[in-house]
Amino acid sequence: MQLNDPFGRVSRNNQRAYTALRQRLRQEGVGDAAAVARVRKNIARTALRIAAIGLGVLLCLIWAFPQSRGPLAALGVLALAWFAVNYLLTSTYLRRYLREECEQADEGRSAQ
């Protein structure tokens, strides 16, 4: 039992999310390090675009409603934190996929 996750809910949710990502990557035919690197690059590019669009929308809203600057900024920071956490989790899952799936595939090919 871990003190920061006494009932195992977080670890179960993380495992479920990783399993879903692993199945999706397998369906897409991602099976080597180069393909994982392409996926990571694509995700980073998409994340940067979404963050830029979100920042632009937030700045426009702050400009349009200056009396609501505080709450809008707080919502922007909250959204950015949520987005960053999801991006980092996805990056962690991709590293795990690379370590577990791609290295096993490489070992299987070299043994033959």
PDB file of N, CA and C in Angstrom:
ATOM      1  N   MET A   1       0.841  -1.174   0.000  1.00  0.00           N
ATOM      2  CA  MET A   1       0.000   0.000   0.000  1.00  0.00           C
ATOM      3  C   MET A   1       0.889   1.242   0.000  1.00  0.00           C
ATOM      4  N   GLN A   2       0.573   2.175  -0.878  1.00  0.00           N
ATOM      5  CA  GLN A   2       1.314   3.418  -0.948  1.00  0.00           C
ATOM      6  C   GLN A   2       0.521   4.519  -0.254  1.00  0.00           C
ATOM      7  N   LEU A   3       1.235   5.398   0.424  1.00  0.00           N
ATOM      8  CA  LEU A   3       0.558   6.455   1.147  1.00  0.00           C
ATOM      9  C   LEU A   3      -0.104   7.478   0.230  1.00  0.00           C
ATOM     10  N   ASN A   4       0.475   7.731  -0.948  1.00  0.00           N
ATOM     11  CA  ASN A   4      -0.122   8.706  -1.847  1.00  0.00           C
ATOM     12  C   ASN A   4      -1.218   8.114  -2.735  1.00  0.00           C
ATOM     13  N   ASP A   5      -1.404   6.810  -2.701  1.00  0.00           N
ATOM     14  CA  ASP A   5      -2.458   6.132  -3.460  1.00  0.00           C
ATOM     15  C   ASP A   5      -2.917   4.902  -2.681  1.00  0.00           C
ATOM     16  N   PRO A   6      -3.573   5.105  -1.520  1.00  0.00           N
ATOM     17  CA  PRO A   6      -3.846   3.975  -0.634  1.00  0.00           C
ATOM     18  C   PRO A   6      -4.790   2.921  -1.218  1.00  0.00           C
ATOM     19  N   PHE A   7      -5.687   3.302  -2.108  1.00  0.00           N
ATOM     20  CA  PHE A   7      -6.634   2.334  -2.652  1.00  0.00           C
ATOM     21  C   PHE A   7      -6.296   1.914  -4.077  1.00  0.00           C
ATOM     22  N   GLY A   8      -5.202   2.418  -4.605  1.00  0.00           N
ATOM     23  CA  GLY A   8      -4.749   2.020  -5.932  1.00  0.00           C
ATOM     24  C   GLY A   8      -5.539   2.618  -7.078  1.00  0.00           C
ATOM     25  N   ARG A   9      -6.342   3.636  -6.830  1.00  0.00           N
ATOM     26  CA  ARG A   9      -7.168   4.216  -7.892  1.00  0.00           C
ATOM     27  C   ARG A   9      -6.321   4.896  -8.958  1.00  0.00           C
ATOM     28  N   VAL A  10      -5.345   5.661  -8.535  1.00  0.00           N
ATOM     29  CA  VAL A  10      -4.511   6.391  -9.492  1.00  0.00           C
ATOM     30  C   VAL A  10      -3.724   5.407 -10.356  1.00  0.00           C
ATOM     31  N   SER A  11      -3.165   4.391  -9.752  1.00  0.00           N
ATOM     32  CA  SER A  11      -2.385   3.426 -10.531  1.00  0.00           C
ATOM     33  C   SER A  11      -3.281   2.641 -11.489  1.00  0.00           C
ATOM     34  N   ARG A  12      -4.508   2.319 -11.079  1.00  0.00           N
ATOM     35  CA  ARG A  12      -5.440   1.636 -11.989  1.00  0.00           C
ATOM     36  C   ARG A  12      -5.809   2.536 -13.164  1.00  0.00           C
ATOM     37  N   ASN A  13      -6.068   3.806 -12.880  1.00  0.00           N
ATOM     38  CA  ASN A  13      -6.400   4.740 -13.966  1.00  0.00           C
ATOM     39  C   ASN A  13      -5.217   4.918 -14.905  1.00  0.00           C
ATOM     40  N   ASN A  14      -4.020   5.028 -14.364  1.00  0.00           N
ATOM     41  CA  ASN A  14      -2.823   5.154 -15.205  1.00  0.00           C
ATOM     42  C   ASN A  14      -2.624   3.916 -16.067  1.00  0.00           C
ATOM     43  N   GLN A  15      -2.831   2.743 -15.491  1.00  0.00           N
ATOM     44  CA  GLN A  15      -2.676   1.503 -16.250  1.00  0.00           C
ATOM     45  C   GLN A  15      -3.724   1.414 -17.353  1.00  0.00           C
ATOM     46  N   ARG A  16      -4.944   1.810 -17.055  1.00  0.00           N
ATOM     47  CA  ARG A  16      -6.014   1.794 -18.052  1.00  0.00           C
ATOM     48  C   ARG A  16      -5.687   2.754 -19.203  1.00  0.00           C
ATOM     49  N   ALA A  17      -5.197   3.945 -18.878  1.00  0.00           N
ATOM     50  CA  ALA A  17      -4.847   4.924 -19.913  1.00  0.00           C
ATOM     51  C   ALA A  17      -3.682   4.418 -20.756  1.00  0.00           C
ATOM     52  N   TYR A  18      -2.673   3.821 -20.117  1.00  0.00           N
ATOM     53  CA  TYR A  18      -1.531   3.294 -20.862  1.00  0.00           C
ATOM     54  C   TYR A  18      -1.970   2.155 -21.782  1.00  0.00           C
ATOM     55  N   THR A  19      -2.835   1.276 -21.293  1.00  0.00           N
ATOM     56  CA  THR A  19      -3.309   0.153 -22.100  1.00  0.00           C
ATOM     57  C   THR A  19      -4.056   0.659 -23.329  1.00  0.00           C
ATOM     58  N   ALA A  20      -4.877   1.681 -23.153  1.00  0.00           N
ATOM     59  CA  ALA A  20      -5.608   2.251 -24.289  1.00  0.00           C
ATOM     60  C   ALA A  20      -4.642   2.860 -25.304  1.00  0.00           C
ATOM     61  N   LEU A  21      -3.635   3.579 -24.829  1.00  0.00           N
ATOM     62  CA  LEU A  21      -2.643   4.162 -25.734  1.00  0.00           C
ATOM     63  C   LEU A  21      -1.850   3.067 -26.441  1.00  0.00           C
ATOM     64  N   ARG A  22      -1.466   2.032 -25.713  1.00  0.00           N
ATOM     65  CA  ARG A  22      -0.702   0.930 -26.312  1.00  0.00           C
ATOM     66  C   ARG A  22      -1.506   0.249 -27.420  1.00  0.00           C
ATOM     67  N   GLN A  23      -2.792   0.006 -27.168  1.00  0.00           N
ATOM     68  CA  GLN A  23      -3.631  -0.620 -28.189  1.00  0.00           C
ATOM     69  C   GLN A  23      -3.764   0.271 -29.415  1.00  0.00           C
ATOM     70  N   ARG A  24      -3.917   1.565 -29.182  1.00  0.00           N
ATOM     71  CA  ARG A  24      -4.042   2.495 -30.307  1.00  0.00           C
ATOM     72  C   ARG A  24      -2.745   2.546 -31.121  1.00  0.00           C
ATOM     73  N   LEU A  25      -1.607   2.560 -30.444  1.00  0.00           N
ATOM     74  CA  LEU A  25      -0.327   2.579 -31.161  1.00  0.00           C
ATOM     75  C   LEU A  25      -0.132   1.300 -31.957  1.00  0.00           C
ATOM     76  N   ARG A  26      -0.524   0.174 -31.394  1.00  0.00           N
ATOM     77  CA  ARG A  26      -0.411  -1.097 -32.129  1.00  0.00           C
ATOM     78  C   ARG A  26      -1.314  -1.093 -33.354  1.00  0.00           C
ATOM     79  N   GLN A  27      -2.542  -0.554 -33.208  1.00  0.00           N
ATOM     80  CA  GLN A  27      -3.458  -0.471 -34.350  1.00  0.00           C
ATOM     81  C   GLN A  27      -2.878   0.397 -35.461  1.00  0.00           C
ATOM     82  N   GLU A  28      -2.171   1.435 -35.075  1.00  0.00           N
ATOM     83  CA  GLU A  28      -1.578   2.349 -36.051  1.00  0.00           C
ATOM     84  C   GLU A  28      -0.273   1.821 -36.627  1.00  0.00           C
ATOM     85  N   GLY A  29       0.213   0.702 -36.104  1.00  0.00           N
ATOM     86  CA  GLY A  29       1.431   0.099 -36.632  1.00  0.00           C
ATOM     87  C   GLY A  29       2.710   0.701 -36.095  1.00  0.00           C
ATOM     88  N   VAL A  30       2.639   1.323 -34.943  1.00  0.00           N
ATOM     89  CA  VAL A  30       3.833   1.911 -34.329  1.00  0.00           C
ATOM     90  C   VAL A  30       4.544   0.799 -33.575  1.00  0.00           C
ATOM     91  N   GLY A  31       5.697   0.386 -34.093  1.00  0.00           N
ATOM     92  CA  GLY A  31       6.365  -0.744 -33.482  1.00  0.00           C
ATOM     93  C   GLY A  31       7.873  -0.601 -33.332  1.00  0.00           C
ATOM     94  N   ASP A  32       8.412   0.541 -33.732  1.00  0.00           N
ATOM     95  CA  ASP A  32       9.851   0.732 -33.583  1.00  0.00           C
ATOM     96  C   ASP A  32      10.131   2.128 -33.041  1.00  0.00           C
ATOM     97  N   ALA A  33      11.391   2.349 -32.708  1.00  0.00           N
ATOM     98  CA  ALA A  33      11.785   3.606 -32.069  1.00  0.00           C
ATOM     99  C   ALA A  33      11.558   4.806 -32.985  1.00  0.00           C
ATOM    100  N   ALA A  34      11.774   4.639 -34.271  1.00  0.00           N
ATOM    101  CA  ALA A  34      11.585   5.756 -35.199  1.00  0.00           C
ATOM    102  C   ALA A  34      10.119   6.160 -35.270  1.00  0.00           C
ATOM    103  N   ALA A  35       9.221   5.185 -35.266  1.00  0.00           N
ATOM    104  CA  ALA A  35       7.789   5.488 -35.306  1.00  0.00           C
ATOM    105  C   ALA A  35       7.342   6.182 -34.019  1.00  0.00           C
ATOM    106  N   VAL A  36       7.872   5.738 -32.888  1.00  0.00           N
ATOM    107  CA  VAL A  36       7.542   6.391 -31.614  1.00  0.00           C
ATOM    108  C   VAL A  36       8.067   7.822 -31.608  1.00  0.00           C
ATOM    109  N   ALA A  37       9.252   8.039 -32.165  1.00  0.00           N
ATOM    110  CA  ALA A  37       9.809   9.394 -32.240  1.00  0.00           C
ATOM    111  C   ALA A  37       8.929  10.289 -33.107  1.00  0.00           C
ATOM    112  N   ARG A  38       8.386   9.745 -34.197  1.00  0.00           N
ATOM    113  CA  ARG A  38       7.476  10.529 -35.033  1.00  0.00           C
ATOM    114  C   ARG A  38       6.201  10.883 -34.284  1.00  0.00           C
ATOM    115  N   VAL A  39       5.686   9.933 -33.530  1.00  0.00           N
ATOM    116  CA  VAL A  39       4.472  10.188 -32.744  1.00  0.00           C
ATOM    117  C   VAL A  39       4.748  11.262 -31.696  1.00  0.00           C
ATOM    118  N   ARG A  40       5.879  11.165 -31.009  1.00  0.00           N
ATOM    119  CA  ARG A  40       6.230  12.169 -29.992  1.00  0.00           C
ATOM    120  C   ARG A  40       6.382  13.548 -30.616  1.00  0.00           C
ATOM    121  N   LYS A  41       7.000  13.622 -31.777  1.00  0.00           N
ATOM    122  CA  LYS A  41       7.169  14.899 -32.459  1.00  0.00           C
ATOM    123  C   LYS A  41       5.821  15.474 -32.858  1.00  0.00           C
ATOM    124  N   ASN A  42       4.932  14.630 -33.358  1.00  0.00           N
ATOM    125  CA  ASN A  42       3.600  15.060 -33.756  1.00  0.00           C
ATOM    126  C   ASN A  42       2.806  15.559 -32.545  1.00  0.00           C
ATOM    127  N   ILE A  43       2.915  14.857 -31.431  1.00  0.00           N
ATOM    128  CA  ILE A  43       2.207  15.272 -30.224  1.00  0.00           C
ATOM    129  C   ILE A  43       2.753  16.594 -29.707  1.00  0.00           C
ATOM    130  N   ALA A  44       4.061  16.762 -29.740  1.00  0.00           N
ATOM    131  CA  ALA A  44       4.662  18.018 -29.282  1.00  0.00           C
ATOM    132  C   ALA A  44       4.212  19.183 -30.166  1.00  0.00           C
ATOM    133  N   ARG A  45       4.184  18.980 -31.467  1.00  0.00           N
ATOM    134  CA  ARG A  45       3.753  20.022 -32.391  1.00  0.00           C
ATOM    135  C   ARG A  45       2.282  20.382 -32.155  1.00  0.00           C
ATOM    136  N   THR A  46       1.450  19.373 -31.978  1.00  0.00           N
ATOM    137  CA  THR A  46       0.033  19.612 -31.715  1.00  0.00           C
ATOM    138  C   THR A  46      -0.165  20.321 -30.381  1.00  0.00           C
ATOM    139  N   ALA A  47       0.590  19.926 -29.374  1.00  0.00           N
ATOM    140  CA  ALA A  47       0.478  20.566 -28.057  1.00  0.00           C
ATOM    141  C   ALA A  47       0.866  22.034 -28.135  1.00  0.00           C
ATOM    142  N   LEU A  48       1.905  22.332 -28.883  1.00  0.00           N
ATOM    143  CA  LEU A  48       2.330  23.723 -29.031  1.00  0.00           C
ATOM    144  C   LEU A  48       1.257  24.544 -29.737  1.00  0.00           C
ATOM    145  N   ARG A  49       0.655  23.988 -30.761  1.00  0.00           N
ATOM    146  CA  ARG A  49      -0.419  24.694 -31.480  1.00  0.00           C
ATOM    147  C   ARG A  49      -1.621  24.937 -30.573  1.00  0.00           C
ATOM    148  N   ILE A  50      -2.024  23.928 -29.835  1.00  0.00           N
ATOM    149  CA  ILE A  50      -3.177  24.079 -28.946  1.00  0.00           C
ATOM    150  C   ILE A  50      -2.891  25.106 -27.869  1.00  0.00           C
ATOM    151  N   ALA A  51      -1.690  25.084 -27.308  1.00  0.00           N
ATOM    152  CA  ALA A  51      -1.327  26.060 -26.274  1.00  0.00           C
ATOM    153  C   ALA A  51      -1.331  27.474 -26.846  1.00  0.00           C
ATOM    154  N   ALA A  52      -0.827  27.653 -28.055  1.00  0.00           N
ATOM    155  CA  ALA A  52      -0.804  28.978 -28.672  1.00  0.00           C
ATOM    156  C   ALA A  52      -2.219  29.474 -28.955  1.00  0.00           C
ATOM    157  N   ILE A  53      -3.071  28.602 -29.461  1.00  0.00           N
ATOM    158  CA  ILE A  53      -4.464  28.982 -29.723  1.00  0.00           C
ATOM    159  C   ILE A  53      -5.172  29.315 -28.415  1.00  0.00           C
ATOM    160  N   GLY A  54      -4.963  28.495 -27.402  1.00  0.00           N
ATOM    161  CA  GLY A  54      -5.579  28.751 -26.097  1.00  0.00           C
ATOM    162  C   GLY A  54      -5.127  30.065 -25.493  1.00  0.00           C
ATOM    163  N   LEU A  55      -3.852  30.353 -25.605  1.00  0.00           N
ATOM    164  CA  LEU A  55      -3.332  31.624 -25.104  1.00  0.00           C
ATOM    165  C   LEU A  55      -3.920  32.799 -25.880  1.00  0.00           C
ATOM    166  N   GLY A  56      -4.040  32.639 -27.184  1.00  0.00           N
ATOM    167  CA  GLY A  56      -4.648  33.687 -28.001  1.00  0.00           C
ATOM    168  C   GLY A  56      -6.097  33.948 -27.622  1.00  0.00           C
ATOM    169  N   VAL A  57      -6.851  32.881 -27.426  1.00  0.00           N
ATOM    170  CA  VAL A  57      -8.255  33.024 -27.012  1.00  0.00           C
ATOM    171  C   VAL A  57      -8.333  33.684 -25.645  1.00  0.00           C
ATOM    172  N   LEU A  58      -7.479  33.257 -24.730  1.00  0.00           N
ATOM    173  CA  LEU A  58      -7.476  33.838 -23.390  1.00  0.00           C
ATOM    174  C   LEU A  58      -7.156  35.332 -23.437  1.00  0.00           C
ATOM    175  N   LEU A  59      -6.162  35.717 -24.206  1.00  0.00           N
ATOM    176  CA  LEU A  59      -5.814  37.135 -24.316  1.00  0.00           C
ATOM    177  C   LEU A  59      -6.942  37.943 -24.945  1.00  0.00           C
ATOM    178  N   CYS A  60      -7.615  37.376 -25.938  1.00  0.00           N
ATOM    179  CA  CYS A  60      -8.760  38.069 -26.545  1.00  0.00           C
ATOM    180  C   CYS A  60      -9.888  38.235 -25.536  1.00  0.00           C
ATOM    181  N   LEU A  61     -10.143  37.202 -24.740  1.00  0.00           N
ATOM    182  CA  LEU A  61     -11.190  37.310 -23.725  1.00  0.00           C
ATOM    183  C   LEU A  61     -10.836  38.336 -22.664  1.00  0.00           C
ATOM    184  N   ILE A  62      -9.576  38.367 -22.261  1.00  0.00           N
ATOM    185  CA  ILE A  62      -9.144  39.355 -21.269  1.00  0.00           C
ATOM    186  C   ILE A  62      -9.267  40.764 -21.854  1.00  0.00           C
ATOM    187  N   TRP A  63      -8.939  40.916 -23.129  1.00  0.00           N
ATOM    188  CA  TRP A  63      -9.076  42.220 -23.769  1.00  0.00           C
ATOM    189  C   TRP A  63     -10.553  42.625 -23.883  1.00  0.00           C
ATOM    190  N   ALA A  64     -11.429  41.657 -24.226  1.00  0.00           N
ATOM    191  CA  ALA A  64     -12.852  41.955 -24.406  1.00  0.00           C
ATOM    192  C   ALA A  64     -13.567  42.195 -23.077  1.00  0.00           C
ATOM    193  N   PHE A  65     -13.121  41.528 -22.032  1.00  0.00           N
ATOM    194  CA  PHE A  65     -13.778  41.647 -20.721  1.00  0.00           C
ATOM    195  C   PHE A  65     -12.741  42.004 -19.658  1.00  0.00           C
ATOM    196  N   PRO A  66     -12.262  43.239 -19.646  1.00  0.00           N
ATOM    197  CA  PRO A  66     -11.195  43.606 -18.704  1.00  0.00           C
ATOM    198  C   PRO A  66     -11.620  43.523 -17.233  1.00  0.00           C
ATOM    199  N   GLN A  67     -12.897  43.649 -16.943  1.00  0.00           N
ATOM    200  CA  GLN A  67     -13.353  43.548 -15.562  1.00  0.00           C
ATOM    201  C   GLN A  67     -13.258  42.110 -15.030  1.00  0.00           C
ATOM    202  N   SER A  68     -13.156  41.147 -15.911  1.00  0.00           N
ATOM    203  CA  SER A  68     -13.058  39.737 -15.510  1.00  0.00           C
ATOM    204  C   SER A  68     -11.642  39.195 -15.677  1.00  0.00           C
ATOM    205  N   ARG A  69     -10.669  40.057 -15.650  1.00  0.00           N
ATOM    206  CA  ARG A  69      -9.283  39.673 -15.879  1.00  0.00           C
ATOM    207  C   ARG A  69      -8.804  38.608 -14.887  1.00  0.00           C
ATOM    208  N   GLY A  70      -9.113  38.781 -13.619  1.00  0.00           N
ATOM    209  CA  GLY A  70      -8.659  37.842 -12.592  1.00  0.00           C
ATOM    210  C   GLY A  70      -9.198  36.433 -12.775  1.00  0.00           C
ATOM    211  N   PRO A  71     -10.537  36.286 -12.839  1.00  0.00           N
ATOM    212  CA  PRO A  71     -11.080  34.933 -13.036  1.00  0.00           C
ATOM    213  C   PRO A  71     -10.634  34.287 -14.351  1.00  0.00           C
ATOM    214  N   LEU A  72     -10.550  35.097 -15.422  1.00  0.00           N
ATOM    215  CA  LEU A  72     -10.100  34.534 -16.700  1.00  0.00           C
ATOM    216  C   LEU A  72      -8.651  34.066 -16.621  1.00  0.00           C
ATOM    217  N   ALA A  73      -7.817  34.835 -15.956  1.00  0.00           N
ATOM    218  CA  ALA A  73      -6.417  34.429 -15.795  1.00  0.00           C
ATOM    219  C   ALA A  73      -6.322  33.164 -14.959  1.00  0.00           C
ATOM    220  N   ALA A  74      -7.143  33.070 -13.909  1.00  0.00           N
ATOM    221  CA  ALA A  74      -7.136  31.868 -13.072  1.00  0.00           C
ATOM    222  C   ALA A  74      -7.581  30.646 -13.875  1.00  0.00           C
ATOM    223  N   LEU A  75      -8.621  30.804 -14.688  1.00  0.00           N
ATOM    224  CA  LEU A  75      -9.069  29.696 -15.538  1.00  0.00           C
ATOM    225  C   LEU A  75      -7.997  29.325 -16.566  1.00  0.00           C
ATOM    226  N   GLY A  76      -7.303  30.325 -17.081  1.00  0.00           N
ATOM    227  CA  GLY A  76      -6.221  30.057 -18.034  1.00  0.00           C
ATOM    228  C   GLY A  76      -5.091  29.268 -17.409  1.00  0.00           C
ATOM    229  N   VAL A  77      -4.722  29.648 -16.196  1.00  0.00           N
ATOM    230  CA  VAL A  77      -3.656  28.922 -15.495  1.00  0.00           C
ATOM    231  C   VAL A  77      -4.100  27.498 -15.195  1.00  0.00           C
ATOM    232  N   LEU A  78      -5.348  27.328 -14.782  1.00  0.00           N
ATOM    233  CA  LEU A  78      -5.880  25.991 -14.503  1.00  0.00           C
ATOM    234  C   LEU A  78      -5.889  25.130 -15.766  1.00  0.00           C
ATOM    235  N   ALA A  79      -6.332  25.711 -16.872  1.00  0.00           N
ATOM    236  CA  ALA A  79      -6.357  24.973 -18.136  1.00  0.00           C
ATOM    237  C   ALA A  79      -4.943  24.609 -18.579  1.00  0.00           C
ATOM    238  N   LEU A  80      -4.011  25.535 -18.419  1.00  0.00           N
ATOM    239  CA  LEU A  80      -2.624  25.260 -18.791  1.00  0.00           C
ATOM    240  C   LEU A  80      -2.034  24.147 -17.930  1.00  0.00           C
ATOM    241  N   ALA A  81      -2.333  24.163 -16.636  1.00  0.00           N
ATOM    242  CA  ALA A  81      -1.839  23.102 -15.752  1.00  0.00           C
ATOM    243  C   ALA A  81      -2.425  21.753 -16.152  1.00  0.00           C
ATOM    244  N   TRP A  82      -3.720  21.701 -16.438  1.00  0.00           N
ATOM    245  CA  TRP A  82      -4.374  20.453 -16.858  1.00  0.00           C
ATOM    246  C   TRP A  82      -3.741  19.948 -18.151  1.00  0.00           C
ATOM    247  N   PHE A  83      -3.537  20.855 -19.082  1.00  0.00           N
ATOM    248  CA  PHE A  83      -2.954  20.499 -20.365  1.00  0.00           C
ATOM    249  C   PHE A  83      -1.528  19.974 -20.194  1.00  0.00           C
ATOM    250  N   ALA A  84      -0.745  20.646 -19.355  1.00  0.00           N
ATOM    251  CA  ALA A  84       0.636  20.231 -19.125  1.00  0.00           C
ATOM    252  C   ALA A  84       0.705  18.850 -18.480  1.00  0.00           C
ATOM    253  N   VAL A  85      -0.157  18.588 -17.514  1.00  0.00           N
ATOM    254  CA  VAL A  85      -0.178  17.282 -16.859  1.00  0.00           C
ATOM    255  C   VAL A  85      -0.510  16.182 -17.860  1.00  0.00           C
ATOM    256  N   ASN A  86      -1.496  16.417 -18.700  1.00  0.00           N
ATOM    257  CA  ASN A  86      -1.863  15.406 -19.698  1.00  0.00           C
ATOM    258  C   ASN A  86      -0.752  15.196 -20.723  1.00  0.00           C
ATOM    259  N   TYR A  87      -0.091  16.268 -21.125  1.00  0.00           N
ATOM    260  CA  TYR A  87       1.019  16.139 -22.065  1.00  0.00           C
ATOM    261  C   TYR A  87       2.160  15.332 -21.440  1.00  0.00           C
ATOM    262  N   LEU A  88       2.494  15.627 -20.188  1.00  0.00           N
ATOM    263  CA  LEU A  88       3.578  14.907 -19.515  1.00  0.00           C
ATOM    264  C   LEU A  88       3.221  13.437 -19.296  1.00  0.00           C
ATOM    265  N   LEU A  89       1.963  13.149 -18.953  1.00  0.00           N
ATOM    266  CA  LEU A  89       1.547  11.751 -18.802  1.00  0.00           C
ATOM    267  C   LEU A  89       1.648  11.004 -20.130  1.00  0.00           C
ATOM    268  N   THR A  90       1.205  11.634 -21.201  1.00  0.00           N
ATOM    269  CA  THR A  90       1.297  10.990 -22.512  1.00  0.00           C
ATOM    270  C   THR A  90       2.747  10.740 -22.889  1.00  0.00           C
ATOM    271  N   SER A  91       3.609  11.699 -22.598  1.00  0.00           N
ATOM    272  CA  SER A  91       5.031  11.530 -22.874  1.00  0.00           C
ATOM    273  C   SER A  91       5.609  10.370 -22.056  1.00  0.00           C
ATOM    274  N   THR A  92       5.186  10.276 -20.809  1.00  0.00           N
ATOM    275  CA  THR A  92       5.629   9.169 -19.953  1.00  0.00           C
ATOM    276  C   THR A  92       5.154   7.833 -20.503  1.00  0.00           C
ATOM    277  N   TYR A  93       3.907   7.772 -20.956  1.00  0.00           N
ATOM    278  CA  TYR A  93       3.375   6.536 -21.530  1.00  0.00           C
ATOM    279  C   TYR A  93       4.113   6.154 -22.806  1.00  0.00           C
ATOM    280  N   LEU A  94       4.472   7.143 -23.620  1.00  0.00           N
ATOM    281  CA  LEU A  94       5.220   6.841 -24.842  1.00  0.00           C
ATOM    282  C   LEU A  94       6.617   6.308 -24.530  1.00  0.00           C
ATOM    283  N   ARG A  95       7.272   6.878 -23.514  1.00  0.00           N
ATOM    284  CA  ARG A  95       8.582   6.342 -23.104  1.00  0.00           C
ATOM    285  C   ARG A  95       8.435   4.904 -22.613  1.00  0.00           C
ATOM    286  N   ARG A  96       7.373   4.625 -21.859  1.00  0.00           N
ATOM    287  CA  ARG A  96       7.129   3.269 -21.373  1.00  0.00           C
ATOM    288  C   ARG A  96       6.874   2.324 -22.539  1.00  0.00           C
ATOM    289  N   TYR A  97       6.079   2.767 -23.513  1.00  0.00           N
ATOM    290  CA  TYR A  97       5.811   1.945 -24.688  1.00  0.00           C
ATOM    291  C   TYR A  97       7.107   1.648 -25.433  1.00  0.00           C
ATOM    292  N   LEU A  98       7.947   2.664 -25.581  1.00  0.00           N
ATOM    293  CA  LEU A  98       9.227   2.476 -26.250  1.00  0.00           C
ATOM    294  C   LEU A  98      10.075   1.463 -25.500  1.00  0.00           C
ATOM    295  N   ARG A  99      10.112   1.573 -24.186  1.00  0.00           N
ATOM    296  CA  ARG A  99      10.921   0.678 -23.363  1.00  0.00           C
ATOM    297  C   ARG A  99      10.375  -0.748 -23.388  1.00  0.00           C
ATOM    298  N   GLU A 100       9.065  -0.909 -23.233  1.00  0.00           N
ATOM    299  CA  GLU A 100       8.490  -2.248 -23.100  1.00  0.00           C
ATOM    300  C   GLU A 100       8.242  -2.928 -24.439  1.00  0.00           C
ATOM    301  N   GLU A 101       7.589  -2.239 -25.342  1.00  0.00           N
ATOM    302  CA  GLU A 101       7.155  -2.874 -26.585  1.00  0.00           C
ATOM    303  C   GLU A 101       8.237  -2.871 -27.664  1.00  0.00           C
ATOM    304  N   CYS A 102       8.862  -1.729 -27.864  1.00  0.00           N
ATOM    305  CA  CYS A 102       9.824  -1.622 -28.961  1.00  0.00           C
ATOM    306  C   CYS A 102      11.112  -2.365 -28.663  1.00  0.00           C
ATOM    307  N   GLU A 103      11.576  -2.312 -27.430  1.00  0.00           N
ATOM    308  CA  GLU A 103      12.799  -3.034 -27.083  1.00  0.00           C
ATOM    309  C   GLU A 103      12.562  -4.529 -27.114  1.00  0.00           C
ATOM    310  N   GLN A 104      11.363  -4.988 -26.716  1.00  0.00           N
ATOM    311  CA  GLN A 104      11.058  -6.419 -26.793  1.00  0.00           C
ATOM    312  C   GLN A 104      11.020  -6.863 -28.252  1.00  0.00           C
ATOM    313  N   ALA A 105      10.470  -6.024 -29.122  1.00  0.00           N
ATOM    314  CA  ALA A 105      10.427  -6.367 -30.543  1.00  0.00           C
ATOM    315  C   ALA A 105      11.851  -6.418 -31.121  1.00  0.00           C
ATOM    316  N   ASP A 106      12.707  -5.504 -30.705  1.00  0.00           N
ATOM    317  CA  ASP A 106      14.087  -5.510 -31.172  1.00  0.00           C
ATOM    318  C   ASP A 106      14.828  -6.750 -30.685  1.00  0.00           C
ATOM    319  N   GLU A 107      14.589  -7.129 -29.428  1.00  0.00           N
ATOM    320  CA  GLU A 107      15.233  -8.333 -28.876  1.00  0.00           C
ATOM    321  C   GLU A 107      14.743  -9.579 -29.599  1.00  0.00           C
ATOM    322  N   GLY A 108      13.449  -9.619 -29.949  1.00  0.00           N
ATOM    323  CA  GLY A 108      12.897 -10.764 -30.676  1.00  0.00           C
ATOM    324  C   GLY A 108      13.488 -10.888 -32.058  1.00  0.00           C
ATOM    325  N   ARG A 109      13.706  -9.768 -32.720  1.00  0.00           N
ATOM    326  CA  ARG A 109      14.299  -9.800 -34.062  1.00  0.00           C
ATOM    327  C   ARG A 109      15.764 -10.215 -34.024  1.00  0.00           C
ATOM    328  N   SER A 110      16.490  -9.752 -32.999  1.00  0.00           N
ATOM    329  CA  SER A 110      17.918 -10.079 -32.926  1.00  0.00           C
ATOM    330  C   SER A 110      18.134 -11.536 -32.517  1.00  0.00           C
ATOM    331  N   ALA A 111      17.175 -12.146 -31.826  1.00  0.00           N
ATOM    332  CA  ALA A 111      17.308 -13.532 -31.415  1.00  0.00           C
ATOM    333  C   ALA A 111      17.084 -14.491 -32.596  1.00  0.00           C
ATOM    334  N   GLN A 112      16.396 -14.010 -33.629  1.00  0.00           N
ATOM    335  CA  GLN A 112      16.098 -14.889 -34.759  1.00  0.00           C
ATOM    336  C   GLN A 112      17.209 -14.979 -35.691  1.00  0.00           C
TER     337      GLN A 112
END
